[in-house]
Amino acid sequence: MKQAKGYFGRRKNVWTVAKNAVEKAMLYAYRDRKAKKRNFRALWITRINAGARMHGMSYSQFMGKVKANGIELNRKVLADLAMNHPEAFKAVIDKVK
């Protein structure tokens, strides 16, 4: 019942309904901890792709050249550069070209 605190209606004070609601919430929480990682990776790839295409390069070409040149920036950092620091991202693009 402690875990059902804050739920609406019978989900917070009727034992069987609360138990089922909490179990379902736990399943969603477990599943979505995994999905969150996938969603962020997809978001980073989309942002890197948009930034790379502004400079005439596709995502796969860009990432291939990044790995070949030994640049050890992960997708999270590259996506942040593409979004918030376009001049730094352009420097990375120029380095790999």
PDB file of N, CA and C in Angstrom:
ATOM      1  N   MET A   1       0.829  -1.200   0.000  1.00  0.00           N
ATOM      2  CA  MET A   1       0.000   0.000   0.000  1.00  0.00           C
ATOM      3  C   MET A   1       0.873   1.264   0.000  1.00  0.00           C
ATOM      4  N   LYS A   2       2.077   1.172   0.610  1.00  0.00           N
ATOM      5  CA  LYS A   2       2.958   2.332   0.611  1.00  0.00           C
ATOM      6  C   LYS A   2       3.358   2.723  -0.801  1.00  0.00           C
ATOM      7  N   GLN A   3       3.582   1.713  -1.657  1.00  0.00           N
ATOM      8  CA  GLN A   3       4.004   2.004  -3.020  1.00  0.00           C
ATOM      9  C   GLN A   3       2.881   2.574  -3.875  1.00  0.00           C
ATOM     10  N   ALA A   4       1.625   2.371  -3.469  1.00  0.00           N
ATOM     11  CA  ALA A   4       0.486   2.876  -4.222  1.00  0.00           C
ATOM     12  C   ALA A   4       0.102   4.292  -3.791  1.00  0.00           C
ATOM     13  N   LYS A   5       0.859   4.869  -2.868  1.00  0.00           N
ATOM     14  CA  LYS A   5       0.573   6.223  -2.399  1.00  0.00           C
ATOM     15  C   LYS A   5       0.639   7.193  -3.574  1.00  0.00           C
ATOM     16  N   GLY A   6      -0.359   8.014  -3.705  1.00  0.00           N
ATOM     17  CA  GLY A   6      -0.392   8.988  -4.784  1.00  0.00           C
ATOM     18  C   GLY A   6      -1.187   8.531  -5.984  1.00  0.00           C
ATOM     19  N   TYR A   7      -1.600   7.258  -6.012  1.00  0.00           N
ATOM     20  CA  TYR A   7      -2.421   6.779  -7.115  1.00  0.00           C
ATOM     21  C   TYR A   7      -3.825   7.340  -6.974  1.00  0.00           C
ATOM     22  N   PHE A   8      -4.604   7.288  -8.041  1.00  0.00           N
ATOM     23  CA  PHE A   8      -5.936   7.886  -8.086  1.00  0.00           C
ATOM     24  C   PHE A   8      -7.005   6.830  -7.846  1.00  0.00           C
ATOM     25  N   GLY A   9      -8.030   7.200  -7.097  1.00  0.00           N
ATOM     26  CA  GLY A   9      -9.197   6.327  -6.912  1.00  0.00           C
ATOM     27  C   GLY A   9      -8.891   5.107  -6.077  1.00  0.00           C
ATOM     28  N   ARG A  10      -9.500   3.970  -6.466  1.00  0.00           N
ATOM     29  CA  ARG A  10      -9.343   2.744  -5.690  1.00  0.00           C
ATOM     30  C   ARG A  10      -7.940   2.164  -5.786  1.00  0.00           C
ATOM     31  N   ARG A  11      -7.163   2.643  -6.733  1.00  0.00           N
ATOM     32  CA  ARG A  11      -5.800   2.121  -6.891  1.00  0.00           C
ATOM     33  C   ARG A  11      -4.942   2.428  -5.667  1.00  0.00           C
ATOM     34  N   LYS A  12      -5.340   3.407  -4.854  1.00  0.00           N
ATOM     35  CA  LYS A  12      -4.523   3.762  -3.695  1.00  0.00           C
ATOM     36  C   LYS A  12      -4.998   3.150  -2.383  1.00  0.00           C
ATOM     37  N   ASN A  13      -6.244   2.665  -2.301  1.00  0.00           N
ATOM     38  CA  ASN A  13      -6.712   2.223  -0.980  1.00  0.00           C
ATOM     39  C   ASN A  13      -7.438   0.882  -0.960  1.00  0.00           C
ATOM     40  N   VAL A  14      -7.618   0.226  -2.098  1.00  0.00           N
ATOM     41  CA  VAL A  14      -8.203  -1.116  -2.125  1.00  0.00           C
ATOM     42  C   VAL A  14      -7.071  -2.097  -2.414  1.00  0.00           C
ATOM     43  N   TRP A  15      -6.888  -3.046  -1.508  1.00  0.00           N
ATOM     44  CA  TRP A  15      -5.702  -3.900  -1.541  1.00  0.00           C
ATOM     45  C   TRP A  15      -5.471  -4.557  -2.900  1.00  0.00           C
ATOM     46  N   THR A  16      -6.463  -5.263  -3.444  1.00  0.00           N
ATOM     47  CA  THR A  16      -6.220  -6.020  -4.676  1.00  0.00           C
ATOM     48  C   THR A  16      -5.966  -5.093  -5.862  1.00  0.00           C
ATOM     49  N   VAL A  17      -6.703  -4.005  -5.948  1.00  0.00           N
ATOM     50  CA  VAL A  17      -6.507  -3.062  -7.049  1.00  0.00           C
ATOM     51  C   VAL A  17      -5.138  -2.402  -6.921  1.00  0.00           C
ATOM     52  N   ALA A  18      -4.770  -2.007  -5.709  1.00  0.00           N
ATOM     53  CA  ALA A  18      -3.475  -1.375  -5.479  1.00  0.00           C
ATOM     54  C   ALA A  18      -2.340  -2.349  -5.778  1.00  0.00           C
ATOM     55  N   LYS A  19      -2.485  -3.594  -5.353  1.00  0.00           N
ATOM     56  CA  LYS A  19      -1.455  -4.603  -5.595  1.00  0.00           C
ATOM     57  C   LYS A  19      -1.237  -4.795  -7.096  1.00  0.00           C
ATOM     58  N   ASN A  20      -2.322  -4.902  -7.840  1.00  0.00           N
ATOM     59  CA  ASN A  20      -2.212  -5.072  -9.291  1.00  0.00           C
ATOM     60  C   ASN A  20      -1.593  -3.842  -9.950  1.00  0.00           C
ATOM     61  N   ALA A  21      -1.983  -2.662  -9.496  1.00  0.00           N
ATOM     62  CA  ALA A  21      -1.452  -1.427 -10.073  1.00  0.00           C
ATOM     63  C   ALA A  21       0.044  -1.300  -9.804  1.00  0.00           C
ATOM     64  N   VAL A  22       0.464  -1.648  -8.599  1.00  0.00           N
ATOM     65  CA  VAL A  22       1.888  -1.553  -8.246  1.00  0.00           C
ATOM     66  C   VAL A  22       2.699  -2.585  -9.041  1.00  0.00           C
ATOM     67  N   GLU A  23       2.176  -3.810  -9.172  1.00  0.00           N
ATOM     68  CA  GLU A  23       2.876  -4.834  -9.955  1.00  0.00           C
ATOM     69  C   GLU A  23       3.051  -4.387 -11.405  1.00  0.00           C
ATOM     70  N   LYS A  24       1.993  -3.831 -11.974  1.00  0.00           N
ATOM     71  CA  LYS A  24       2.051  -3.359 -13.356  1.00  0.00           C
ATOM     72  C   LYS A  24       3.045  -2.209 -13.490  1.00  0.00           C
ATOM     73  N   ALA A  25       3.036  -1.309 -12.500  1.00  0.00           N
ATOM     74  CA  ALA A  25       3.973  -0.185 -12.525  1.00  0.00           C
ATOM     75  C   ALA A  25       5.413  -0.674 -12.453  1.00  0.00           C
ATOM     76  N   MET A  26       5.664  -1.696 -11.646  1.00  0.00           N
ATOM     77  CA  MET A  26       7.012  -2.253 -11.549  1.00  0.00           C
ATOM     78  C   MET A  26       7.454  -2.861 -12.872  1.00  0.00           C
ATOM     79  N   LEU A  27       6.533  -3.541 -13.562  1.00  0.00           N
ATOM     80  CA  LEU A  27       6.871  -4.122 -14.867  1.00  0.00           C
ATOM     81  C   LEU A  27       7.205  -3.029 -15.871  1.00  0.00           C
ATOM     82  N   TYR A  28       6.410  -1.975 -15.880  1.00  0.00           N
ATOM     83  CA  TYR A  28       6.682  -0.859 -16.793  1.00  0.00           C
ATOM     84  C   TYR A  28       8.021  -0.205 -16.463  1.00  0.00           C
ATOM     85  N   ALA A  29       8.310  -0.047 -15.177  1.00  0.00           N
ATOM     86  CA  ALA A  29       9.564   0.584 -14.767  1.00  0.00           C
ATOM     87  C   ALA A  29      10.757  -0.253 -15.221  1.00  0.00           C
ATOM     88  N   TYR A  30      10.667  -1.565 -15.066  1.00  0.00           N
ATOM     89  CA  TYR A  30      11.747  -2.461 -15.472  1.00  0.00           C
ATOM     90  C   TYR A  30      11.941  -2.389 -16.984  1.00  0.00           C
ATOM     91  N   ARG A  31      10.839  -2.485 -17.720  1.00  0.00           N
ATOM     92  CA  ARG A  31      10.907  -2.463 -19.180  1.00  0.00           C
ATOM     93  C   ARG A  31      11.461  -1.132 -19.682  1.00  0.00           C
ATOM     94  N   ASP A  32      10.991  -0.049 -19.101  1.00  0.00           N
ATOM     95  CA  ASP A  32      11.341   1.265 -19.624  1.00  0.00           C
ATOM     96  C   ASP A  32      12.741   1.721 -19.225  1.00  0.00           C
ATOM     97  N   ARG A  33      13.338   1.096 -18.206  1.00  0.00           N
ATOM     98  CA  ARG A  33      14.748   1.392 -17.941  1.00  0.00           C
ATOM     99  C   ARG A  33      15.601   0.916 -19.109  1.00  0.00           C
ATOM    100  N   LYS A  34      15.187  -0.188 -19.738  1.00  0.00           N
ATOM    101  CA  LYS A  34      15.899  -0.675 -20.917  1.00  0.00           C
ATOM    102  C   LYS A  34      15.573   0.192 -22.135  1.00  0.00           C
ATOM    103  N   ALA A  35      14.304   0.537 -22.304  1.00  0.00           N
ATOM    104  CA  ALA A  35      13.862   1.307 -23.472  1.00  0.00           C
ATOM    105  C   ALA A  35      14.460   2.710 -23.470  1.00  0.00           C
ATOM    106  N   LYS A  36      14.693   3.262 -22.297  1.00  0.00           N
ATOM    107  CA  LYS A  36      15.259   4.605 -22.183  1.00  0.00           C
ATOM    108  C   LYS A  36      16.622   4.675 -22.862  1.00  0.00           C
ATOM    109  N   LYS A  37      17.422   3.645 -22.686  1.00  0.00           N
ATOM    110  CA  LYS A  37      18.746   3.607 -23.304  1.00  0.00           C
ATOM    111  C   LYS A  37      18.631   3.583 -24.821  1.00  0.00           C
ATOM    112  N   ARG A  38      17.684   2.782 -25.343  1.00  0.00           N
ATOM    113  CA  ARG A  38      17.472   2.713 -26.790  1.00  0.00           C
ATOM    114  C   ARG A  38      16.986   4.046 -27.325  1.00  0.00           C
ATOM    115  N   ASN A  39      16.073   4.681 -26.610  1.00  0.00           N
ATOM    116  CA  ASN A  39      15.504   5.950 -27.075  1.00  0.00           C
ATOM    117  C   ASN A  39      16.564   7.044 -27.142  1.00  0.00           C
ATOM    118  N   PHE A  40      17.425   7.104 -26.133  1.00  0.00           N
ATOM    119  CA  PHE A  40      18.465   8.134 -26.147  1.00  0.00           C
ATOM    120  C   PHE A  40      19.474   7.891 -27.251  1.00  0.00           C
ATOM    121  N   ARG A  41      19.839   6.631 -27.471  1.00  0.00           N
ATOM    122  CA  ARG A  41      20.781   6.331 -28.553  1.00  0.00           C
ATOM    123  C   ARG A  41      20.186   6.749 -29.896  1.00  0.00           C
ATOM    124  N   ALA A  42      18.896   6.471 -30.109  1.00  0.00           N
ATOM    125  CA  ALA A  42      18.236   6.873 -31.360  1.00  0.00           C
ATOM    126  C   ALA A  42      18.208   8.393 -31.500  1.00  0.00           C
ATOM    127  N   LEU A  43      17.961   9.094 -30.404  1.00  0.00           N
ATOM    128  CA  LEU A  43      17.952  10.550 -30.430  1.00  0.00           C
ATOM    129  C   LEU A  43      19.329  11.099 -30.781  1.00  0.00           C
ATOM    130  N   TRP A  44      20.375  10.534 -30.170  1.00  0.00           N
ATOM    131  CA  TRP A  44      21.735  10.992 -30.460  1.00  0.00           C
ATOM    132  C   TRP A  44      22.085  10.762 -31.921  1.00  0.00           C
ATOM    133  N   ILE A  45      21.711   9.600 -32.447  1.00  0.00           N
ATOM    134  CA  ILE A  45      22.011   9.289 -33.846  1.00  0.00           C
ATOM    135  C   ILE A  45      21.299  10.267 -34.764  1.00  0.00           C
ATOM    136  N   THR A  46      20.048  10.602 -34.463  1.00  0.00           N
ATOM    137  CA  THR A  46      19.294  11.549 -35.272  1.00  0.00           C
ATOM    138  C   THR A  46      19.963  12.914 -35.269  1.00  0.00           C
ATOM    139  N   ARG A  47      20.409  13.367 -34.111  1.00  0.00           N
ATOM    140  CA  ARG A  47      21.053  14.676 -34.017  1.00  0.00           C
ATOM    141  C   ARG A  47      22.395  14.706 -34.737  1.00  0.00           C
ATOM    142  N   ILE A  48      23.173  13.642 -34.604  1.00  0.00           N
ATOM    143  CA  ILE A  48      24.458  13.579 -35.300  1.00  0.00           C
ATOM    144  C   ILE A  48      24.225  13.556 -36.803  1.00  0.00           C
ATOM    145  N   ASN A  49      23.235  12.798 -37.247  1.00  0.00           N
ATOM    146  CA  ASN A  49      22.912  12.704 -38.670  1.00  0.00           C
ATOM    147  C   ASN A  49      22.532  14.067 -39.226  1.00  0.00           C
ATOM    148  N   ALA A  50      21.705  14.803 -38.493  1.00  0.00           N
ATOM    149  CA  ALA A  50      21.301  16.142 -38.943  1.00  0.00           C
ATOM    150  C   ALA A  50      22.505  17.067 -39.034  1.00  0.00           C
ATOM    151  N   GLY A  51      23.373  17.021 -38.046  1.00  0.00           N
ATOM    152  CA  GLY A  51      24.562  17.861 -38.054  1.00  0.00           C
ATOM    153  C   GLY A  51      25.517  17.488 -39.168  1.00  0.00           C
ATOM    154  N   ALA A  52      25.689  16.196 -39.405  1.00  0.00           N
ATOM    155  CA  ALA A  52      26.604  15.743 -40.458  1.00  0.00           C
ATOM    156  C   ALA A  52      26.068  16.104 -41.840  1.00  0.00           C
ATOM    157  N   ARG A  53      24.766  15.981 -42.036  1.00  0.00           N
ATOM    158  CA  ARG A  53      24.177  16.289 -43.340  1.00  0.00           C
ATOM    159  C   ARG A  53      24.260  17.781 -43.668  1.00  0.00           C
ATOM    160  N   MET A  54      24.320  18.628 -42.652  1.00  0.00           N
ATOM    161  CA  MET A  54      24.506  20.057 -42.902  1.00  0.00           C
ATOM    162  C   MET A  54      25.868  20.340 -43.523  1.00  0.00           C
ATOM    163  N   HIS A  55      26.789  19.399 -43.347  1.00  0.00           N
ATOM    164  CA  HIS A  55      28.141  19.548 -43.892  1.00  0.00           C
ATOM    165  C   HIS A  55      28.409  18.559 -45.018  1.00  0.00           C
ATOM    166  N   GLY A  56      27.343  18.012 -45.609  1.00  0.00           N
ATOM    167  CA  GLY A  56      27.473  17.166 -46.791  1.00  0.00           C
ATOM    168  C   GLY A  56      27.960  15.756 -46.543  1.00  0.00           C
ATOM    169  N   MET A  57      27.609  15.201 -45.402  1.00  0.00           N
ATOM    170  CA  MET A  57      28.065  13.856 -45.077  1.00  0.00           C
ATOM    171  C   MET A  57      26.927  13.105 -44.402  1.00  0.00           C
ATOM    172  N   SER A  58      26.790  11.819 -44.666  1.00  0.00           N
ATOM    173  CA  SER A  58      25.747  11.043 -44.001  1.00  0.00           C
ATOM    174  C   SER A  58      26.256  10.575 -42.638  1.00  0.00           C
ATOM    175  N   TYR A  59      25.352  10.082 -41.828  1.00  0.00           N
ATOM    176  CA  TYR A  59      25.713   9.609 -40.485  1.00  0.00           C
ATOM    177  C   TYR A  59      26.708   8.463 -40.567  1.00  0.00           C
ATOM    178  N   SER A  60      26.428   7.493 -41.448  1.00  0.00           N
ATOM    179  CA  SER A  60      27.293   6.314 -41.504  1.00  0.00           C
ATOM    180  C   SER A  60      28.690   6.671 -42.015  1.00  0.00           C
ATOM    181  N   GLN A  61      28.769   7.559 -42.990  1.00  0.00           N
ATOM    182  CA  GLN A  61      30.083   8.010 -43.465  1.00  0.00           C
ATOM    183  C   GLN A  61      30.835   8.721 -42.343  1.00  0.00           C
ATOM    184  N   PHE A  62      30.122   9.602 -41.650  1.00  0.00           N
ATOM    185  CA  PHE A  62      30.743  10.377 -40.575  1.00  0.00           C
ATOM    186  C   PHE A  62      31.273   9.469 -39.473  1.00  0.00           C
ATOM    187  N   MET A  63      30.435   8.547 -38.998  1.00  0.00           N
ATOM    188  CA  MET A  63      30.854   7.673 -37.899  1.00  0.00           C
ATOM    189  C   MET A  63      31.977   6.741 -38.333  1.00  0.00           C
ATOM    190  N   GLY A  64      31.954   6.304 -39.588  1.00  0.00           N
ATOM    191  CA  GLY A  64      33.045   5.471 -40.093  1.00  0.00           C
ATOM    192  C   GLY A  64      34.364   6.219 -40.076  1.00  0.00           C
ATOM    193  N   LYS A  65      34.327   7.481 -40.487  1.00  0.00           N
ATOM    194  CA  LYS A  65      35.553   8.288 -40.500  1.00  0.00           C
ATOM    195  C   LYS A  65      36.003   8.670 -39.097  1.00  0.00           C
ATOM    196  N   VAL A  66      35.045   8.870 -38.198  1.00  0.00           N
ATOM    197  CA  VAL A  66      35.399   9.169 -36.804  1.00  0.00           C
ATOM    198  C   VAL A  66      36.172   7.992 -36.205  1.00  0.00           C
ATOM    199  N   LYS A  67      35.670   6.773 -36.441  1.00  0.00           N
ATOM    200  CA  LYS A  67      36.353   5.590 -35.909  1.00  0.00           C
ATOM    201  C   LYS A  67      37.713   5.396 -36.583  1.00  0.00           C
ATOM    202  N   ALA A  68      37.767   5.622 -37.917  1.00  0.00           N
ATOM    203  CA  ALA A  68      39.015   5.423 -38.654  1.00  0.00           C
ATOM    204  C   ALA A  68      40.091   6.414 -38.217  1.00  0.00           C
ATOM    205  N   ASN A  69      39.698   7.632 -37.849  1.00  0.00           N
ATOM    206  CA  ASN A  69      40.661   8.641 -37.424  1.00  0.00           C
ATOM    207  C   ASN A  69      40.999   8.552 -35.935  1.00  0.00           C
ATOM    208  N   GLY A  70      40.385   7.620 -35.253  1.00  0.00           N
ATOM    209  CA  GLY A  70      40.715   7.410 -33.847  1.00  0.00           C
ATOM    210  C   GLY A  70      40.179   8.478 -32.915  1.00  0.00           C
ATOM    211  N   ILE A  71      39.100   9.155 -33.325  1.00  0.00           N
ATOM    212  CA  ILE A  71      38.475  10.156 -32.455  1.00  0.00           C
ATOM    213  C   ILE A  71      37.583   9.416 -31.472  1.00  0.00           C
ATOM    214  N   GLU A  72      37.869   9.542 -30.202  1.00  0.00           N
ATOM    215  CA  GLU A  72      37.148   8.767 -29.198  1.00  0.00           C
ATOM    216  C   GLU A  72      36.070   9.591 -28.513  1.00  0.00           C
ATOM    217  N   LEU A  73      35.191  10.177 -29.304  1.00  0.00           N
ATOM    218  CA  LEU A  73      34.017  10.871 -28.767  1.00  0.00           C
ATOM    219  C   LEU A  73      32.818   9.955 -28.955  1.00  0.00           C
ATOM    220  N   ASN A  74      32.054   9.776 -27.892  1.00  0.00           N
ATOM    221  CA  ASN A  74      30.895   8.903 -28.020  1.00  0.00           C
ATOM    222  C   ASN A  74      29.712   9.656 -28.641  1.00  0.00           C
ATOM    223  N   ARG A  75      28.651   8.932 -28.918  1.00  0.00           N
ATOM    224  CA  ARG A  75      27.495   9.524 -29.585  1.00  0.00           C
ATOM    225  C   ARG A  75      26.842  10.623 -28.757  1.00  0.00           C
ATOM    226  N   LYS A  76      26.841  10.461 -27.447  1.00  0.00           N
ATOM    227  CA  LYS A  76      26.239  11.464 -26.571  1.00  0.00           C
ATOM    228  C   LYS A  76      26.957  12.799 -26.715  1.00  0.00           C
ATOM    229  N   VAL A  77      28.274  12.768 -26.701  1.00  0.00           N
ATOM    230  CA  VAL A  77      29.070  13.990 -26.807  1.00  0.00           C
ATOM    231  C   VAL A  77      28.937  14.589 -28.203  1.00  0.00           C
ATOM    232  N   LEU A  78      28.998  13.745 -29.231  1.00  0.00           N
ATOM    233  CA  LEU A  78      28.860  14.238 -30.606  1.00  0.00           C
ATOM    234  C   LEU A  78      27.500  14.885 -30.827  1.00  0.00           C
ATOM    235  N   ALA A  79      26.447  14.291 -30.283  1.00  0.00           N
ATOM    236  CA  ALA A  79      25.108  14.859 -30.423  1.00  0.00           C
ATOM    237  C   ALA A  79      25.016  16.205 -29.718  1.00  0.00           C
ATOM    238  N   ASP A  80      25.637  16.314 -28.549  1.00  0.00           N
ATOM    239  CA  ASP A  80      25.642  17.582 -27.830  1.00  0.00           C
ATOM    240  C   ASP A  80      26.387  18.650 -28.624  1.00  0.00           C
ATOM    241  N   LEU A  81      27.512  18.272 -29.216  1.00  0.00           N
ATOM    242  CA  LEU A  81      28.251  19.223 -30.049  1.00  0.00           C
ATOM    243  C   LEU A  81      27.414  19.658 -31.246  1.00  0.00           C
ATOM    244  N   ALA A  82      26.757  18.721 -31.885  1.00  0.00           N
ATOM    245  CA  ALA A  82      25.954  19.040 -33.072  1.00  0.00           C
ATOM    246  C   ALA A  82      24.811  19.993 -32.731  1.00  0.00           C
ATOM    247  N   MET A  83      24.218  19.812 -31.554  1.00  0.00           N
ATOM    248  CA  MET A  83      23.072  20.645 -31.172  1.00  0.00           C
ATOM    249  C   MET A  83      23.497  22.002 -30.599  1.00  0.00           C
ATOM    250  N   ASN A  84      24.412  21.992 -29.653  1.00  0.00           N
ATOM    251  CA  ASN A  84      24.691  23.184 -28.860  1.00  0.00           C
ATOM    252  C   ASN A  84      25.970  23.926 -29.239  1.00  0.00           C
ATOM    253  N   HIS A  85      26.875  23.245 -29.931  1.00  0.00           N
ATOM    254  CA  HIS A  85      28.152  23.858 -30.301  1.00  0.00           C
ATOM    255  C   HIS A  85      28.485  23.532 -31.753  1.00  0.00           C
ATOM    256  N   PRO A  86      27.747  24.121 -32.707  1.00  0.00           N
ATOM    257  CA  PRO A  86      27.947  23.752 -34.114  1.00  0.00           C
ATOM    258  C   PRO A  86      29.352  24.044 -34.625  1.00  0.00           C
ATOM    259  N   GLU A  87      30.013  25.064 -34.074  1.00  0.00           N
ATOM    260  CA  GLU A  87      31.374  25.365 -34.542  1.00  0.00           C
ATOM    261  C   GLU A  87      32.345  24.266 -34.123  1.00  0.00           C
ATOM    262  N   ALA A  88      32.160  23.701 -32.935  1.00  0.00           N
ATOM    263  CA  ALA A  88      33.005  22.590 -32.484  1.00  0.00           C
ATOM    264  C   ALA A  88      32.708  21.334 -33.299  1.00  0.00           C
ATOM    265  N   PHE A  89      31.427  21.127 -33.622  1.00  0.00           N
ATOM    266  CA  PHE A  89      31.060  19.972 -34.439  1.00  0.00           C
ATOM    267  C   PHE A  89      31.660  20.101 -35.836  1.00  0.00           C
ATOM    268  N   LYS A  90      31.663  21.330 -36.372  1.00  0.00           N
ATOM    269  CA  LYS A  90      32.271  21.557 -37.686  1.00  0.00           C
ATOM    270  C   LYS A  90      33.764  21.264 -37.639  1.00  0.00           C
ATOM    271  N   ALA A  91      34.420  21.567 -36.527  1.00  0.00           N
ATOM    272  CA  ALA A  91      35.838  21.256 -36.380  1.00  0.00           C
ATOM    273  C   ALA A  91      36.067  19.743 -36.424  1.00  0.00           C
ATOM    274  N   VAL A  92      35.163  18.988 -35.813  1.00  0.00           N
ATOM    275  CA  VAL A  92      35.275  17.514 -35.859  1.00  0.00           C
ATOM    276  C   VAL A  92      35.073  17.045 -37.295  1.00  0.00           C
ATOM    277  N   ILE A  93      34.085  17.617 -37.982  1.00  0.00           N
ATOM    278  CA  ILE A  93      33.824  17.253 -39.389  1.00  0.00           C
ATOM    279  C   ILE A  93      35.062  17.536 -40.246  1.00  0.00           C
ATOM    280  N   ASP A  94      35.646  18.727 -40.059  1.00  0.00           N
ATOM    281  CA  ASP A  94      36.840  19.091 -40.835  1.00  0.00           C
ATOM    282  C   ASP A  94      38.011  18.156 -40.537  1.00  0.00           C
ATOM    283  N   LYS A  95      38.114  17.725 -39.298  1.00  0.00           N
ATOM    284  CA  LYS A  95      39.192  16.814 -38.896  1.00  0.00           C
ATOM    285  C   LYS A  95      39.072  15.466 -39.604  1.00  0.00           C
ATOM    286  N   VAL A  96      37.827  14.961 -39.754  1.00  0.00           N
ATOM    287  CA  VAL A  96      37.661  13.629 -40.351  1.00  0.00           C
ATOM    288  C   VAL A  96      37.647  13.651 -41.872  1.00  0.00           C
ATOM    289  N   LYS A  97      37.447  14.818 -42.491  1.00  0.00           N
ATOM    290  CA  LYS A  97      37.380  14.886 -43.972  1.00  0.00           C
ATOM    291  C   LYS A  97      38.719  14.683 -44.607  1.00  0.00           C
TER     292      LYS A  97
END
